[in-house]
Every structure is written in C-alpha cells, then in structure tokens.
C-alpha cells in the first residue's frame, strides 16, 4: 500500500493526473449547459473540490520532498500548484467584480 501511495504522488504521475483532470473539466463544462445547475453543483462539490485539494497537497508534498531536482522536475512539480493558484485568484477577482 505504501508503494502504491508513493507511486501515485510522484511528480510525473501527479502532472499527468492533473492534465487529465483539467481535460475532463473542460469537456464537462462544454457538454453541459446552464440547464443542469444542480448536477453542476454536485460535480463541483464531489469532484472538483476534492481534486483540487488532492493536487494542492500532492504538489506541496513534492516541493518539500524533491528540493534538489533538475529544472524540468521542478517545473513539473510546480505547474499544477501555479495553475490552481491562478484559478483561485481568477475566482476572487470575479467575486470582487460581481
């Protein structure tokens, strides 16, 4: 079990999972329009928020554990974290404007 967990939170695995997560969100929001508000709320609660929490925790863990890696690994480690931070800043700007 410990081996599986370590393999799951490796930087390359987290990056690939994050890309699949983003692609699934793009496809989801392109397919469903505004008629399905309750379904979107459930998906946000049970899919998007746990996914973002998982990627934040795994990215921070990888930053702490893999301090002395090369530039490509650092870029792969920090990409999900930076994208999530930009997304939260975008949401805060939308809340302030509206």
PDB file of N, CA and C in Angstrom:
ATOM      1  N   UNK A   1       0.830  -1.197   0.000  1.00  0.00           N
ATOM      2  CA  UNK A   1       0.000   0.000   0.000  1.00  0.00           C
ATOM      3  C   UNK A   1       0.869   1.253   0.000  1.00  0.00           C
ATOM      4  N   UNK A   2       1.952   1.212   0.771  1.00  0.00           N
ATOM      5  CA  UNK A   2       2.849   2.356   0.838  1.00  0.00           C
ATOM      6  C   UNK A   2       3.519   2.598  -0.511  1.00  0.00           C
ATOM      7  N   UNK A   3       3.855   1.509  -1.216  1.00  0.00           N
ATOM      8  CA  UNK A   3       4.467   1.619  -2.534  1.00  0.00           C
ATOM      9  C   UNK A   3       3.499   2.248  -3.537  1.00  0.00           C
ATOM     10  N   UNK A   4       2.247   1.865  -3.477  1.00  0.00           N
ATOM     11  CA  UNK A   4       1.234   2.413  -4.376  1.00  0.00           C
ATOM     12  C   UNK A   4       1.042   3.899  -4.109  1.00  0.00           C
ATOM     13  N   UNK A   5       0.998   4.287  -2.839  1.00  0.00           N
ATOM     14  CA  UNK A   5       0.830   5.694  -2.489  1.00  0.00           C
ATOM     15  C   UNK A   5       2.023   6.524  -2.972  1.00  0.00           C
ATOM     16  N   UNK A   6       3.228   6.009  -2.783  1.00  0.00           N
ATOM     17  CA  UNK A   6       4.426   6.730  -3.247  1.00  0.00           C
ATOM     18  C   UNK A   6       4.421   6.886  -4.762  1.00  0.00           C
ATOM     19  N   UNK A   7       3.978   5.851  -5.473  1.00  0.00           N
ATOM     20  CA  UNK A   7       3.924   5.915  -6.940  1.00  0.00           C
ATOM     21  C   UNK A   7       2.864   6.917  -7.397  1.00  0.00           C
ATOM     22  N   UNK A   8       1.772   7.033  -6.642  1.00  0.00           N
ATOM     23  CA  UNK A   8       0.689   7.930  -7.009  1.00  0.00           C
ATOM     24  C   UNK A   8       1.090   9.391  -6.885  1.00  0.00           C
ATOM     25  N   UNK A   9       1.931   9.718  -5.932  1.00  0.00           N
ATOM     26  CA  UNK A   9       2.271  11.120  -5.726  1.00  0.00           C
ATOM     27  C   UNK A   9       3.635  11.503  -6.283  1.00  0.00           C
ATOM     28  N   UNK A  10       4.189  10.692  -7.172  1.00  0.00           N
ATOM     29  CA  UNK A  10       5.398  11.094  -7.877  1.00  0.00           C
ATOM     30  C   UNK A  10       5.075  12.291  -8.771  1.00  0.00           C
ATOM     31  N   UNK A  11       6.050  13.149  -9.029  1.00  0.00           N
ATOM     32  CA  UNK A  11       5.767  14.371  -9.800  1.00  0.00           C
ATOM     33  C   UNK A  11       5.184  14.129 -11.185  1.00  0.00           C
ATOM     34  N   UNK A  12       5.701  13.152 -11.911  1.00  0.00           N
ATOM     35  CA  UNK A  12       5.200  12.910 -13.257  1.00  0.00           C
ATOM     36  C   UNK A  12       3.783  12.346 -13.234  1.00  0.00           C
ATOM     37  N   UNK A  13       3.504  11.483 -12.285  1.00  0.00           N
ATOM     38  CA  UNK A  13       2.158  10.925 -12.165  1.00  0.00           C
ATOM     39  C   UNK A  13       1.152  12.003 -11.797  1.00  0.00           C
ATOM     40  N   UNK A  14       1.515  12.876 -10.876  1.00  0.00           N
ATOM     41  CA  UNK A  14       0.624  13.967 -10.476  1.00  0.00           C
ATOM     42  C   UNK A  14       0.370  14.900 -11.652  1.00  0.00           C
ATOM     43  N   UNK A  15       1.400  15.169 -12.436  1.00  0.00           N
ATOM     44  CA  UNK A  15       1.247  16.051 -13.593  1.00  0.00           C
ATOM     45  C   UNK A  15       0.307  15.448 -14.630  1.00  0.00           C
ATOM     46  N   UNK A  16       0.459  14.174 -14.927  1.00  0.00           N
ATOM     47  CA  UNK A  16      -0.430  13.512 -15.892  1.00  0.00           C
ATOM     48  C   UNK A  16      -1.863  13.465 -15.363  1.00  0.00           C
ATOM     49  N   UNK A  17      -2.037  13.149 -14.087  1.00  0.00           N
ATOM     50  CA  UNK A  17      -3.378  13.143 -13.496  1.00  0.00           C
ATOM     51  C   UNK A  17      -4.001  14.539 -13.525  1.00  0.00           C
ATOM     52  N   UNK A  18      -3.184  15.562 -13.294  1.00  0.00           N
ATOM     53  CA  UNK A  18      -3.688  16.928 -13.332  1.00  0.00           C
ATOM     54  C   UNK A  18      -4.135  17.305 -14.742  1.00  0.00           C
ATOM     55  N   UNK A  19      -3.371  16.921 -15.745  1.00  0.00           N
ATOM     56  CA  UNK A  19      -3.779  17.192 -17.131  1.00  0.00           C
ATOM     57  C   UNK A  19      -5.087  16.484 -17.471  1.00  0.00           C
ATOM     58  N   UNK A  20      -5.218  15.229 -17.052  1.00  0.00           N
ATOM     59  CA  UNK A  20      -6.479  14.511 -17.291  1.00  0.00           C
ATOM     60  C   UNK A  20      -7.637  15.158 -16.541  1.00  0.00           C
ATOM     61  N   UNK A  21      -7.378  15.641 -15.339  1.00  0.00           N
ATOM     62  CA  UNK A  21      -8.396  16.327 -14.541  1.00  0.00           C
ATOM     63  C   UNK A  21      -8.863  17.603 -15.244  1.00  0.00           C
ATOM     64  N   UNK A  22      -7.924  18.387 -15.751  1.00  0.00           N
ATOM     65  CA  UNK A  22      -8.271  19.630 -16.446  1.00  0.00           C
ATOM     66  C   UNK A  22      -9.021  19.332 -17.732  1.00  0.00           C
ATOM     67  N   UNK A  23      -8.589  18.342 -18.485  1.00  0.00           N
ATOM     68  CA  UNK A  23      -9.288  17.971 -19.723  1.00  0.00           C
ATOM     69  C   UNK A  23     -10.705  17.507 -19.414  1.00  0.00           C
ATOM     70  N   UNK A  24     -10.883  16.725 -18.356  1.00  0.00           N
ATOM     71  CA  UNK A  24     -12.229  16.266 -18.009  1.00  0.00           C
ATOM     72  C   UNK A  24     -13.121  17.433 -17.599  1.00  0.00           C
ATOM     73  N   UNK A  25     -12.559  18.430 -16.921  1.00  0.00           N
ATOM     74  CA  UNK A  25     -13.355  19.603 -16.560  1.00  0.00           C
ATOM     75  C   UNK A  25     -13.753  20.410 -17.780  1.00  0.00           C
ATOM     76  N   UNK A  26     -12.838  20.572 -18.707  1.00  0.00           N
ATOM     77  CA  UNK A  26     -13.153  21.309 -19.939  1.00  0.00           C
ATOM     78  C   UNK A  26     -14.251  20.602 -20.718  1.00  0.00           C
ATOM     79  N   UNK A  27     -14.132  19.297 -20.864  1.00  0.00           N
ATOM     80  CA  UNK A  27     -15.160  18.528 -21.577  1.00  0.00           C
ATOM     81  C   UNK A  27     -16.489  18.597 -20.839  1.00  0.00           C
ATOM     82  N   UNK A  28     -16.458  18.482 -19.518  1.00  0.00           N
ATOM     83  CA  UNK A  28     -17.685  18.533 -18.727  1.00  0.00           C
ATOM     84  C   UNK A  28     -18.416  19.856 -18.912  1.00  0.00           C
ATOM     85  N   UNK A  29     -17.690  20.970 -18.819  1.00  0.00           N
ATOM     86  CA  UNK A  29     -18.342  22.264 -18.916  1.00  0.00           C
ATOM     87  C   UNK A  29     -18.705  22.634 -20.353  1.00  0.00           C
ATOM     88  N   UNK A  30     -18.113  21.977 -21.335  1.00  0.00           N
ATOM     89  CA  UNK A  30     -18.523  22.196 -22.710  1.00  0.00           C
ATOM     90  C   UNK A  30     -19.790  21.407 -23.056  1.00  0.00           C
ATOM     91  N   UNK A  31     -19.927  20.224 -22.480  1.00  0.00           N
ATOM     92  CA  UNK A  31     -21.085  19.380 -22.792  1.00  0.00           C
ATOM     93  C   UNK A  31     -22.344  19.874 -22.096  1.00  0.00           C
ATOM     94  N   UNK A  32     -22.256  20.170 -20.801  1.00  0.00           N
ATOM     95  CA  UNK A  32     -23.431  20.562 -20.043  1.00  0.00           C
ATOM     96  C   UNK A  32     -23.578  22.074 -20.048  1.00  0.00           C
ATOM     97  N   UNK A  33     -24.772  22.508 -20.361  1.00  0.00           N
ATOM     98  CA  UNK A  33     -25.015  23.949 -20.348  1.00  0.00           C
ATOM     99  C   UNK A  33     -25.665  24.346 -19.025  1.00  0.00           C
ATOM    100  N   UNK A  34     -26.287  25.488 -18.991  1.00  0.00           N
ATOM    101  CA  UNK A  34     -26.806  26.029 -17.730  1.00  0.00           C
ATOM    102  C   UNK A  34     -28.126  25.407 -17.272  1.00  0.00           C
ATOM    103  N   UNK A  35     -28.656  24.468 -18.007  1.00  0.00           N
ATOM    104  CA  UNK A  35     -29.905  23.828 -17.576  1.00  0.00           C
ATOM    105  C   UNK A  35     -29.672  22.860 -16.417  1.00  0.00           C
ATOM    106  N   UNK A  36     -28.459  22.390 -16.261  1.00  0.00           N
ATOM    107  CA  UNK A  36     -28.151  21.376 -15.258  1.00  0.00           C
ATOM    108  C   UNK A  36     -27.415  21.993 -14.070  1.00  0.00           C
ATOM    109  N   UNK A  37     -28.028  22.959 -13.414  1.00  0.00           N
ATOM    110  CA  UNK A  37     -27.355  23.671 -12.325  1.00  0.00           C
ATOM    111  C   UNK A  37     -27.133  22.779 -11.104  1.00  0.00           C
ATOM    112  N   UNK A  38     -28.105  21.955 -10.759  1.00  0.00           N
ATOM    113  CA  UNK A  38     -27.957  21.082  -9.591  1.00  0.00           C
ATOM    114  C   UNK A  38     -26.878  20.028  -9.830  1.00  0.00           C
ATOM    115  N   UNK A  39     -26.852  19.488 -11.044  1.00  0.00           N
ATOM    116  CA  UNK A  39     -25.841  18.490 -11.374  1.00  0.00           C
ATOM    117  C   UNK A  39     -24.440  19.109 -11.340  1.00  0.00           C
ATOM    118  N   UNK A  40     -24.317  20.316 -11.836  1.00  0.00           N
ATOM    119  CA  UNK A  40     -23.026  21.003 -11.793  1.00  0.00           C
ATOM    120  C   UNK A  40     -22.602  21.294 -10.360  1.00  0.00           C
ATOM    121  N   UNK A  41     -23.553  21.619  -9.526  1.00  0.00           N
ATOM    122  CA  UNK A  41     -23.221  21.873  -8.116  1.00  0.00           C
ATOM    123  C   UNK A  41     -22.719  20.600  -7.445  1.00  0.00           C
ATOM    124  N   UNK A  42     -23.348  19.464  -7.740  1.00  0.00           N
ATOM    125  CA  UNK A  42     -22.899  18.194  -7.175  1.00  0.00           C
ATOM    126  C   UNK A  42     -21.508  17.810  -7.689  1.00  0.00           C
ATOM    127  N   UNK A  43     -21.286  18.029  -8.968  1.00  0.00           N
ATOM    128  CA  UNK A  43     -19.970  17.715  -9.535  1.00  0.00           C
ATOM    129  C   UNK A  43     -18.911  18.620  -8.917  1.00  0.00           C
ATOM    130  N   UNK A  44     -19.238  19.883  -8.714  1.00  0.00           N
ATOM    131  CA  UNK A  44     -18.291  20.795  -8.084  1.00  0.00           C
ATOM    132  C   UNK A  44     -17.973  20.345  -6.669  1.00  0.00           C
ATOM    133  N   UNK A  45     -18.974  19.950  -5.933  1.00  0.00           N
ATOM    134  CA  UNK A  45     -18.773  19.545  -4.547  1.00  0.00           C
ATOM    135  C   UNK A  45     -18.003  18.239  -4.416  1.00  0.00           C
ATOM    136  N   UNK A  46     -18.337  17.255  -5.244  1.00  0.00           N
ATOM    137  CA  UNK A  46     -17.773  15.921  -5.056  1.00  0.00           C
ATOM    138  C   UNK A  46     -16.654  15.553  -6.025  1.00  0.00           C
ATOM    139  N   UNK A  47     -16.342  16.408  -7.011  1.00  0.00           N
ATOM    140  CA  UNK A  47     -15.290  16.087  -7.971  1.00  0.00           C
ATOM    141  C   UNK A  47     -14.219  17.176  -8.037  1.00  0.00           C
ATOM    142  N   UNK A  48     -14.639  18.404  -8.215  1.00  0.00           N
ATOM    143  CA  UNK A  48     -13.672  19.480  -8.412  1.00  0.00           C
ATOM    144  C   UNK A  48     -12.955  19.824  -7.111  1.00  0.00           C
ATOM    145  N   UNK A  49     -13.682  20.052  -6.043  1.00  0.00           N
ATOM    146  CA  UNK A  49     -13.036  20.439  -4.786  1.00  0.00           C
ATOM    147  C   UNK A  49     -12.112  19.355  -4.230  1.00  0.00           C
ATOM    148  N   UNK A  50     -12.525  18.084  -4.164  1.00  0.00           N
ATOM    149  CA  UNK A  50     -11.559  17.065  -3.710  1.00  0.00           C
ATOM    150  C   UNK A  50     -10.360  16.921  -4.642  1.00  0.00           C
ATOM    151  N   UNK A  51     -10.596  17.077  -5.944  1.00  0.00           N
ATOM    152  CA  UNK A  51      -9.481  17.014  -6.889  1.00  0.00           C
ATOM    153  C   UNK A  51      -8.487  18.129  -6.662  1.00  0.00           C
ATOM    154  N   UNK A  52      -8.980  19.346  -6.477  1.00  0.00           N
ATOM    155  CA  UNK A  52      -8.086  20.470  -6.230  1.00  0.00           C
ATOM    156  C   UNK A  52      -7.334  20.299  -4.911  1.00  0.00           C
ATOM    157  N   UNK A  53      -8.010  19.808  -3.888  1.00  0.00           N
ATOM    158  CA  UNK A  53      -7.337  19.577  -2.605  1.00  0.00           C
ATOM    159  C   UNK A  53      -6.247  18.519  -2.755  1.00  0.00           C
ATOM    160  N   UNK A  54      -6.543  17.445  -3.500  1.00  0.00           N
ATOM    161  CA  UNK A  54      -5.534  16.410  -3.729  1.00  0.00           C
ATOM    162  C   UNK A  54      -4.321  16.974  -4.456  1.00  0.00           C
ATOM    163  N   UNK A  55      -4.548  17.776  -5.493  1.00  0.00           N
ATOM    164  CA  UNK A  55      -3.426  18.305  -6.261  1.00  0.00           C
ATOM    165  C   UNK A  55      -2.634  19.345  -5.482  1.00  0.00           C
ATOM    166  N   UNK A  56      -3.287  20.110  -4.642  1.00  0.00           N
ATOM    167  CA  UNK A  56      -2.560  21.066  -3.805  1.00  0.00           C
ATOM    168  C   UNK A  56      -1.677  20.321  -2.804  1.00  0.00           C
ATOM    169  N   UNK A  57      -2.239  19.330  -2.123  1.00  0.00           N
ATOM    170  CA  UNK A  57      -1.468  18.578  -1.130  1.00  0.00           C
ATOM    171  C   UNK A  57      -0.313  17.821  -1.775  1.00  0.00           C
ATOM    172  N   UNK A  58      -0.575  17.160  -2.899  1.00  0.00           N
ATOM    173  CA  UNK A  58       0.497  16.393  -3.535  1.00  0.00           C
ATOM    174  C   UNK A  58       1.574  17.304  -4.118  1.00  0.00           C
ATOM    175  N   UNK A  59       1.206  18.476  -4.627  1.00  0.00           N
ATOM    176  CA  UNK A  59       2.209  19.401  -5.157  1.00  0.00           C
ATOM    177  C   UNK A  59       3.081  19.968  -4.040  1.00  0.00           C
ATOM    178  N   UNK A  60       2.464  20.340  -2.932  1.00  0.00           N
ATOM    179  CA  UNK A  60       3.241  20.853  -1.805  1.00  0.00           C
ATOM    180  C   UNK A  60       4.154  19.749  -1.259  1.00  0.00           C
ATOM    181  N   UNK A  61       3.649  18.541  -1.164  1.00  0.00           N
ATOM    182  CA  UNK A  61       4.468  17.405  -0.709  1.00  0.00           C
ATOM    183  C   UNK A  61       5.660  17.189  -1.641  1.00  0.00           C
ATOM    184  N   UNK A  62       5.426  17.243  -2.947  1.00  0.00           N
ATOM    185  CA  UNK A  62       6.518  17.053  -3.898  1.00  0.00           C
ATOM    186  C   UNK A  62       7.528  18.189  -3.843  1.00  0.00           C
ATOM    187  N   UNK A  63       7.078  19.405  -3.590  1.00  0.00           N
ATOM    188  CA  UNK A  63       8.014  20.530  -3.451  1.00  0.00           C
ATOM    189  C   UNK A  63       8.896  20.309  -2.232  1.00  0.00           C
ATOM    190  N   UNK A  64       8.308  19.859  -1.142  1.00  0.00           N
ATOM    191  CA  UNK A  64       9.084  19.643   0.082  1.00  0.00           C
ATOM    192  C   UNK A  64      10.050  18.475  -0.069  1.00  0.00           C
ATOM    193  N   UNK A  65       9.603  17.378  -0.652  1.00  0.00           N
ATOM    194  CA  UNK A  65      10.430  16.175  -0.753  1.00  0.00           C
ATOM    195  C   UNK A  65      11.511  16.313  -1.824  1.00  0.00           C
ATOM    196  N   UNK A  66      11.180  16.872  -2.973  1.00  0.00           N
ATOM    197  CA  UNK A  66      12.101  16.918  -4.112  1.00  0.00           C
ATOM    198  C   UNK A  66      12.732  18.296  -4.258  1.00  0.00           C
ATOM    199  N   UNK A  67      13.520  18.694  -3.285  1.00  0.00           N
ATOM    200  CA  UNK A  67      14.130  20.025  -3.323  1.00  0.00           C
ATOM    201  C   UNK A  67      15.275  20.106  -4.324  1.00  0.00           C
ATOM    202  N   UNK A  68      16.069  19.094  -4.433  1.00  0.00           N
ATOM    203  CA  UNK A  68      17.293  19.167  -5.223  1.00  0.00           C
ATOM    204  C   UNK A  68      17.175  18.418  -6.549  1.00  0.00           C
ATOM    205  N   UNK A  69      16.134  18.651  -7.270  1.00  0.00           N
ATOM    206  CA  UNK A  69      15.960  18.011  -8.575  1.00  0.00           C
ATOM    207  C   UNK A  69      16.304  19.007  -9.674  1.00  0.00           C
ATOM    208  N   UNK A  70      16.339  18.536 -10.904  1.00  0.00           N
ATOM    209  CA  UNK A  70      16.674  19.423 -12.006  1.00  0.00           C
ATOM    210  C   UNK A  70      15.499  20.336 -12.359  1.00  0.00           C
ATOM    211  N   UNK A  71      15.719  21.226 -13.308  1.00  0.00           N
ATOM    212  CA  UNK A  71      14.738  22.261 -13.631  1.00  0.00           C
ATOM    213  C   UNK A  71      13.443  21.683 -14.192  1.00  0.00           C
ATOM    214  N   UNK A  72      13.539  20.648 -15.013  1.00  0.00           N
ATOM    215  CA  UNK A  72      12.329  20.052 -15.592  1.00  0.00           C
ATOM    216  C   UNK A  72      11.439  19.457 -14.506  1.00  0.00           C
ATOM    217  N   UNK A  73      12.018  18.775 -13.542  1.00  0.00           N
ATOM    218  CA  UNK A  73      11.214  18.211 -12.449  1.00  0.00           C
ATOM    219  C   UNK A  73      10.590  19.306 -11.603  1.00  0.00           C
ATOM    220  N   UNK A  74      11.315  20.383 -11.360  1.00  0.00           N
ATOM    221  CA  UNK A  74      10.739  21.493 -10.601  1.00  0.00           C
ATOM    222  C   UNK A  74       9.575  22.112 -11.350  1.00  0.00           C
ATOM    223  N   UNK A  75       9.707  22.233 -12.669  1.00  0.00           N
ATOM    224  CA  UNK A  75       8.618  22.777 -13.482  1.00  0.00           C
ATOM    225  C   UNK A  75       7.398  21.864 -13.447  1.00  0.00           C
ATOM    226  N   UNK A  76       7.627  20.570 -13.538  1.00  0.00           N
ATOM    227  CA  UNK A  76       6.521  19.604 -13.477  1.00  0.00           C
ATOM    228  C   UNK A  76       5.859  19.623 -12.108  1.00  0.00           C
ATOM    229  N   UNK A  77       6.646  19.789 -11.059  1.00  0.00           N
ATOM    230  CA  UNK A  77       6.092  19.819  -9.705  1.00  0.00           C
ATOM    231  C   UNK A  77       5.263  21.080  -9.481  1.00  0.00           C
ATOM    232  N   UNK A  78       5.736  22.211  -9.951  1.00  0.00           N
ATOM    233  CA  UNK A  78       5.086  23.483  -9.651  1.00  0.00           C
ATOM    234  C   UNK A  78       3.938  23.846 -10.590  1.00  0.00           C
ATOM    235  N   UNK A  79       3.833  23.216 -11.744  1.00  0.00           N
ATOM    236  CA  UNK A  79       2.792  23.566 -12.707  1.00  0.00           C
ATOM    237  C   UNK A  79       1.379  23.418 -12.144  1.00  0.00           C
ATOM    238  N   UNK A  80       0.989  22.279 -11.562  1.00  0.00           N
ATOM    239  CA  UNK A  80      -0.376  22.202 -11.014  1.00  0.00           C
ATOM    240  C   UNK A  80      -0.636  23.227  -9.910  1.00  0.00           C
ATOM    241  N   UNK A  81       0.361  23.456  -9.073  1.00  0.00           N
ATOM    242  CA  UNK A  81       0.190  24.406  -7.977  1.00  0.00           C
ATOM    243  C   UNK A  81      -0.004  25.825  -8.501  1.00  0.00           C
ATOM    244  N   UNK A  82       0.768  26.218  -9.483  1.00  0.00           N
ATOM    245  CA  UNK A  82       0.654  27.565 -10.060  1.00  0.00           C
ATOM    246  C   UNK A  82      -0.682  27.732 -10.774  1.00  0.00           C
ATOM    247  N   UNK A  83      -1.122  26.732 -11.501  1.00  0.00           N
ATOM    248  CA  UNK A  83      -2.404  26.817 -12.210  1.00  0.00           C
ATOM    249  C   UNK A  83      -3.558  26.912 -11.221  1.00  0.00           C
ATOM    250  N   UNK A  84      -3.502  26.172 -10.135  1.00  0.00           N
ATOM    251  CA  UNK A  84      -4.561  26.240  -9.119  1.00  0.00           C
ATOM    252  C   UNK A  84      -4.567  27.609  -8.451  1.00  0.00           C
ATOM    253  N   UNK A  85      -3.400  28.165  -8.153  1.00  0.00           N
ATOM    254  CA  UNK A  85      -3.339  29.498  -7.548  1.00  0.00           C
ATOM    255  C   UNK A  85      -3.901  30.551  -8.493  1.00  0.00           C
ATOM    256  N   UNK A  86      -3.554  30.463  -9.782  1.00  0.00           N
ATOM    257  CA  UNK A  86      -4.107  31.403 -10.769  1.00  0.00           C
ATOM    258  C   UNK A  86      -5.619  31.263 -10.858  1.00  0.00           C
ATOM    259  N   UNK A  87      -6.120  30.034 -10.789  1.00  0.00           N
ATOM    260  CA  UNK A  87      -7.562  29.808 -10.825  1.00  0.00           C
ATOM    261  C   UNK A  87      -8.257  30.443  -9.622  1.00  0.00           C
ATOM    262  N   UNK A  88      -7.682  30.298  -8.423  1.00  0.00           N
ATOM    263  CA  UNK A  88      -8.279  30.901  -7.236  1.00  0.00           C
ATOM    264  C   UNK A  88      -8.216  32.423  -7.287  1.00  0.00           C
ATOM    265  N   UNK A  89      -7.153  32.981  -7.824  1.00  0.00           N
ATOM    266  CA  UNK A  89      -7.078  34.439  -7.997  1.00  0.00           C
ATOM    267  C   UNK A  89      -8.146  34.904  -8.970  1.00  0.00           C
ATOM    268  N   UNK A  90      -8.351  34.149 -10.046  1.00  0.00           N
ATOM    269  CA  UNK A  90      -9.401  34.468 -11.013  1.00  0.00           C
ATOM    270  C   UNK A  90     -10.782  34.437 -10.355  1.00  0.00           C
ATOM    271  N   UNK A  91     -11.027  33.435  -9.524  1.00  0.00           N
ATOM    272  CA  UNK A  91     -12.321  33.367  -8.827  1.00  0.00           C
ATOM    273  C   UNK A  91     -12.505  34.539  -7.867  1.00  0.00           C
ATOM    274  N   UNK A  92     -11.458  34.932  -7.175  1.00  0.00           N
ATOM    275  CA  UNK A  92     -11.556  36.073  -6.250  1.00  0.00           C
ATOM    276  C   UNK A  92     -11.823  37.367  -7.008  1.00  0.00           C
ATOM    277  N   UNK A  93     -11.200  37.537  -8.155  1.00  0.00           N
ATOM    278  CA  UNK A  93     -11.450  38.743  -8.965  1.00  0.00           C
ATOM    279  C   UNK A  93     -12.892  38.737  -9.448  1.00  0.00           C
ATOM    280  N   UNK A  94     -13.398  37.586  -9.864  1.00  0.00           N
ATOM    281  CA  UNK A  94     -14.807  37.514 -10.288  1.00  0.00           C
ATOM    282  C   UNK A  94     -15.757  37.840  -9.140  1.00  0.00           C
ATOM    283  N   UNK A  95     -15.450  37.386  -7.944  1.00  0.00           N
ATOM    284  CA  UNK A  95     -16.297  37.681  -6.794  1.00  0.00           C
ATOM    285  C   UNK A  95     -16.249  39.167  -6.431  1.00  0.00           C
ATOM    286  N   UNK A  96     -15.092  39.777  -6.559  1.00  0.00           N
ATOM    287  CA  UNK A  96     -14.981  41.202  -6.240  1.00  0.00           C
ATOM    288  C   UNK A  96     -15.714  42.052  -7.272  1.00  0.00           C
ATOM    289  N   UNK A  97     -15.607  41.665  -8.540  1.00  0.00           N
ATOM    290  CA  UNK A  97     -16.249  42.453  -9.605  1.00  0.00           C
ATOM    291  C   UNK A  97     -17.763  42.347  -9.536  1.00  0.00           C
ATOM    292  N   UNK A  98     -18.288  41.165  -9.261  1.00  0.00           N
ATOM    293  CA  UNK A  98     -19.753  40.995  -9.272  1.00  0.00           C
ATOM    294  C   UNK A  98     -20.406  41.311  -7.960  1.00  0.00           C
TER     295      UNK A  98
END
